[in-house]
Amino acid sequence: QVQLVESGGGLVQAGGSLKLSCAASGSIFTISAMGWYRQAPGKQRELVAVTTRSGTIKYADSVKGRFTISRDNAKNTGDLQMNSLKPEAPALYYCAAEGVRVEGGGMASWGKGTLVTVSS
């Protein structure tokens, strides 16, 4: 079993910054990709950023230049640095990962989410 735990959410003023962290634990052999998604009330869950083990990174157009995703392959952790935050409806940010379990076979996991609220 693989678990992901997000942290770092909270209330921040527009223009401010937050750093979200994701820690993966369990029977992990490798994580091939780790990403962040967000979902606001009445909205679909959307990809914010994703990074592969090889270093390929993709960002949603709405966050390019403001957010930075990173990961530590050895520790199975990842971060999402969010700068210049815009006033928006509160959203849950989820960490997601896929990879290979120690005992073999693939895995795909989601965290429970951390709430981010940006006030105007």
C-alpha atoms as a PDB file:
ATOM      1  CA  GLN A   1       0.000   0.000   0.000  1.00  0.00           C
ATOM      2  CA  VAL A   2       1.202   3.481  -0.868  1.00  0.00           C
ATOM      3  CA  GLN A   3       0.062   6.609   0.895  1.00  0.00           C
ATOM      4  CA  LEU A   4       0.487  10.251  -0.025  1.00  0.00           C
ATOM      5  CA  VAL A   5       0.170  13.037   2.495  1.00  0.00           C
ATOM      6  CA  GLU A   6      -0.017  16.696   1.534  1.00  0.00           C
ATOM      7  CA  SER A   7       0.795  19.603   3.783  1.00  0.00           C
ATOM      8  CA  GLY A   8       1.327  23.330   3.592  1.00  0.00           C
ATOM      9  CA  GLY A   9      -2.109  24.584   2.671  1.00  0.00           C
ATOM     10  CA  GLY A  10      -3.694  27.530   4.371  1.00  0.00           C
ATOM     11  CA  LEU A  11      -4.917  31.077   4.002  1.00  0.00           C
ATOM     12  CA  VAL A  12      -2.756  33.593   2.209  1.00  0.00           C
ATOM     13  CA  GLN A  13      -3.250  37.074   0.824  1.00  0.00           C
ATOM     14  CA  ALA A  14      -3.271  37.713  -2.889  1.00  0.00           C
ATOM     15  CA  GLY A  15       0.246  38.078  -4.163  1.00  0.00           C
ATOM     16  CA  GLY A  16       1.617  35.914  -1.406  1.00  0.00           C
ATOM     17  CA  SER A  17       3.213  32.512  -1.482  1.00  0.00           C
ATOM     18  CA  LEU A  18       2.654  29.037  -0.161  1.00  0.00           C
ATOM     19  CA  LYS A  19       4.678  25.890  -0.385  1.00  0.00           C
ATOM     20  CA  LEU A  20       2.896  22.589  -0.561  1.00  0.00           C
ATOM     21  CA  SER A  21       4.652  19.354   0.241  1.00  0.00           C
ATOM     22  CA  CYS A  22       3.860  15.757  -0.547  1.00  0.00           C
ATOM     23  CA  ALA A  23       5.316  12.769   1.227  1.00  0.00           C
ATOM     24  CA  ALA A  24       4.872   9.288  -0.164  1.00  0.00           C
ATOM     25  CA  SER A  25       5.270   6.227   1.985  1.00  0.00           C
ATOM     26  CA  GLY A  26       4.675   2.522   1.770  1.00  0.00           C
ATOM     27  CA  SER A  27       5.910  -0.210  -0.521  1.00  0.00           C
ATOM     28  CA  ILE A  28       7.434   2.100  -3.096  1.00  0.00           C
ATOM     29  CA  PHE A  29      10.165   0.971  -5.409  1.00  0.00           C
ATOM     30  CA  THR A  30      10.126   3.963  -7.709  1.00  0.00           C
ATOM     31  CA  ILE A  31       7.823   6.840  -8.458  1.00  0.00           C
ATOM     32  CA  SER A  32       7.731   7.490 -12.167  1.00  0.00           C
ATOM     33  CA  ALA A  33       5.633  10.626 -11.992  1.00  0.00           C
ATOM     34  CA  MET A  34       4.422  12.945  -9.288  1.00  0.00           C
ATOM     35  CA  GLY A  35       2.018  15.772  -9.815  1.00  0.00           C
ATOM     36  CA  TRP A  36      -0.350  18.243  -8.282  1.00  0.00           C
ATOM     37  CA  TYR A  37      -4.009  18.737  -9.069  1.00  0.00           C
ATOM     38  CA  ARG A  38      -6.523  21.180  -7.697  1.00  0.00           C
ATOM     39  CA  GLN A  39     -10.266  21.324  -7.456  1.00  0.00           C
ATOM     40  CA  ALA A  40     -12.463  24.264  -6.555  1.00  0.00           C
ATOM     41  CA  PRO A  41     -16.186  24.092  -5.766  1.00  0.00           C
ATOM     42  CA  GLY A  42     -18.193  23.470  -8.907  1.00  0.00           C
ATOM     43  CA  LYS A  43     -15.073  22.920 -10.949  1.00  0.00           C
ATOM     44  CA  GLN A  44     -13.407  19.878 -12.399  1.00  0.00           C
ATOM     45  CA  ARG A  45     -10.191  18.642 -10.938  1.00  0.00           C
ATOM     46  CA  GLU A  46      -7.383  20.020 -13.051  1.00  0.00           C
ATOM     47  CA  LEU A  47      -3.719  19.337 -13.452  1.00  0.00           C
ATOM     48  CA  VAL A  48      -1.514  22.027 -11.984  1.00  0.00           C
ATOM     49  CA  ALA A  49       1.925  20.567 -12.539  1.00  0.00           C
ATOM     50  CA  VAL A  50       3.611  17.228 -13.004  1.00  0.00           C
ATOM     51  CA  THR A  51       7.160  15.977 -13.052  1.00  0.00           C
ATOM     52  CA  THR A  52       8.606  12.647 -14.109  1.00  0.00           C
ATOM     53  CA  ARG A  53      11.529  10.845 -12.568  1.00  0.00           C
ATOM     54  CA  SER A  54      13.666  11.855 -15.527  1.00  0.00           C
ATOM     55  CA  GLY A  55      12.931  15.504 -14.902  1.00  0.00           C
ATOM     56  CA  THR A  56      10.288  16.344 -17.464  1.00  0.00           C
ATOM     57  CA  ILE A  57       7.995  19.053 -16.129  1.00  0.00           C
ATOM     58  CA  LYS A  58       4.660  20.354 -17.325  1.00  0.00           C
ATOM     59  CA  TYR A  59       2.602  23.210 -15.932  1.00  0.00           C
ATOM     60  CA  ALA A  60      -0.910  24.380 -16.503  1.00  0.00           C
ATOM     61  CA  ASP A  61      -0.901  27.589 -18.501  1.00  0.00           C
ATOM     62  CA  SER A  62      -2.569  29.401 -15.637  1.00  0.00           C
ATOM     63  CA  VAL A  63       0.356  28.827 -13.281  1.00  0.00           C
ATOM     64  CA  LYS A  64       3.352  29.067 -15.583  1.00  0.00           C
ATOM     65  CA  GLY A  65       5.902  31.481 -14.256  1.00  0.00           C
ATOM     66  CA  ARG A  66       4.366  31.482 -10.786  1.00  0.00           C
ATOM     67  CA  PHE A  67       4.478  27.886  -9.576  1.00  0.00           C
ATOM     68  CA  THR A  68       7.457  25.582  -9.363  1.00  0.00           C
ATOM     69  CA  ILE A  69       7.263  21.837  -8.908  1.00  0.00           C
ATOM     70  CA  SER A  70      10.119  19.779  -7.558  1.00  0.00           C
ATOM     71  CA  ARG A  71      10.772  16.304  -6.251  1.00  0.00           C
ATOM     72  CA  ASP A  72      13.326  14.283  -4.371  1.00  0.00           C
ATOM     73  CA  ASN A  73      13.497  10.843  -5.919  1.00  0.00           C
ATOM     74  CA  ALA A  74      15.493   9.374  -3.051  1.00  0.00           C
ATOM     75  CA  LYS A  75      13.052  10.529  -0.391  1.00  0.00           C
ATOM     76  CA  ASN A  76       9.864  10.062  -2.414  1.00  0.00           C
ATOM     77  CA  THR A  77       8.779  13.583  -1.646  1.00  0.00           C
ATOM     78  CA  GLY A  78       7.693  16.502  -3.753  1.00  0.00           C
ATOM     79  CA  ASP A  79       6.956  20.180  -3.367  1.00  0.00           C
ATOM     80  CA  LEU A  80       4.908  22.789  -5.129  1.00  0.00           C
ATOM     81  CA  GLN A  81       6.097  26.326  -4.569  1.00  0.00           C
ATOM     82  CA  MET A  82       3.284  28.736  -5.332  1.00  0.00           C
ATOM     83  CA  ASN A  83       4.127  32.390  -5.777  1.00  0.00           C
ATOM     84  CA  SER A  84       2.094  35.421  -6.806  1.00  0.00           C
ATOM     85  CA  LEU A  85      -1.096  33.742  -5.734  1.00  0.00           C
ATOM     86  CA  LYS A  86      -4.270  35.160  -7.183  1.00  0.00           C
ATOM     87  CA  PRO A  87      -7.557  35.665  -5.353  1.00  0.00           C
ATOM     88  CA  GLU A  88      -9.675  32.682  -6.241  1.00  0.00           C
ATOM     89  CA  ALA A  89     -12.212  30.400  -4.669  1.00  0.00           C
ATOM     90  CA  PRO A  90     -10.690  28.020  -2.139  1.00  0.00           C
ATOM     91  CA  ALA A  91      -9.377  24.880  -3.736  1.00  0.00           C
ATOM     92  CA  LEU A  92      -8.125  21.542  -2.578  1.00  0.00           C
ATOM     93  CA  TYR A  93      -4.708  20.718  -3.889  1.00  0.00           C
ATOM     94  CA  TYR A  94      -3.997  17.037  -4.325  1.00  0.00           C
ATOM     95  CA  CYS A  95      -0.748  15.234  -4.708  1.00  0.00           C
ATOM     96  CA  ALA A  96      -0.792  12.289  -7.080  1.00  0.00           C
ATOM     97  CA  ALA A  97       1.836   9.747  -7.960  1.00  0.00           C
ATOM     98  CA  GLU A  98       2.316   6.664 -10.051  1.00  0.00           C
ATOM     99  CA  GLY A  99       5.132   4.188 -10.112  1.00  0.00           C
ATOM    100  CA  VAL A 100       6.207   0.702  -9.147  1.00  0.00           C
ATOM    101  CA  ARG A 101       5.712  -1.083  -5.844  1.00  0.00           C
ATOM    102  CA  VAL A 102       8.476  -2.969  -4.068  1.00  0.00           C
ATOM    103  CA  GLU A 103       6.684  -6.269  -4.580  1.00  0.00           C
ATOM    104  CA  GLY A 104       6.136  -5.531  -8.235  1.00  0.00           C
ATOM    105  CA  GLY A 105       3.253  -4.126 -10.131  1.00  0.00           C
ATOM    106  CA  GLY A 106       2.188  -0.583 -10.689  1.00  0.00           C
ATOM    107  CA  MET A 107       0.704   1.850  -8.269  1.00  0.00           C
ATOM    108  CA  ALA A 108      -1.276   5.034  -8.547  1.00  0.00           C
ATOM    109  CA  SER A 109      -2.137   7.020  -5.457  1.00  0.00           C
ATOM    110  CA  TRP A 110      -3.802  10.253  -4.427  1.00  0.00           C
ATOM    111  CA  GLY A 111      -3.476  12.243  -1.278  1.00  0.00           C
ATOM    112  CA  LYS A 112      -6.476  13.512   0.636  1.00  0.00           C
ATOM    113  CA  GLY A 113      -5.813  17.101  -0.339  1.00  0.00           C
ATOM    114  CA  THR A 114      -4.771  20.288   1.382  1.00  0.00           C
ATOM    115  CA  LEU A 115      -6.909  23.405   1.263  1.00  0.00           C
ATOM    116  CA  VAL A 116      -5.571  26.614  -0.208  1.00  0.00           C
ATOM    117  CA  THR A 117      -7.454  29.872   0.187  1.00  0.00           C
ATOM    118  CA  VAL A 118      -6.271  33.135  -1.319  1.00  0.00           C
ATOM    119  CA  SER A 119      -7.925  36.263  -0.013  1.00  0.00           C
ATOM    120  CA  SER A 120      -8.232  39.523  -1.886  1.00  0.00           C
END
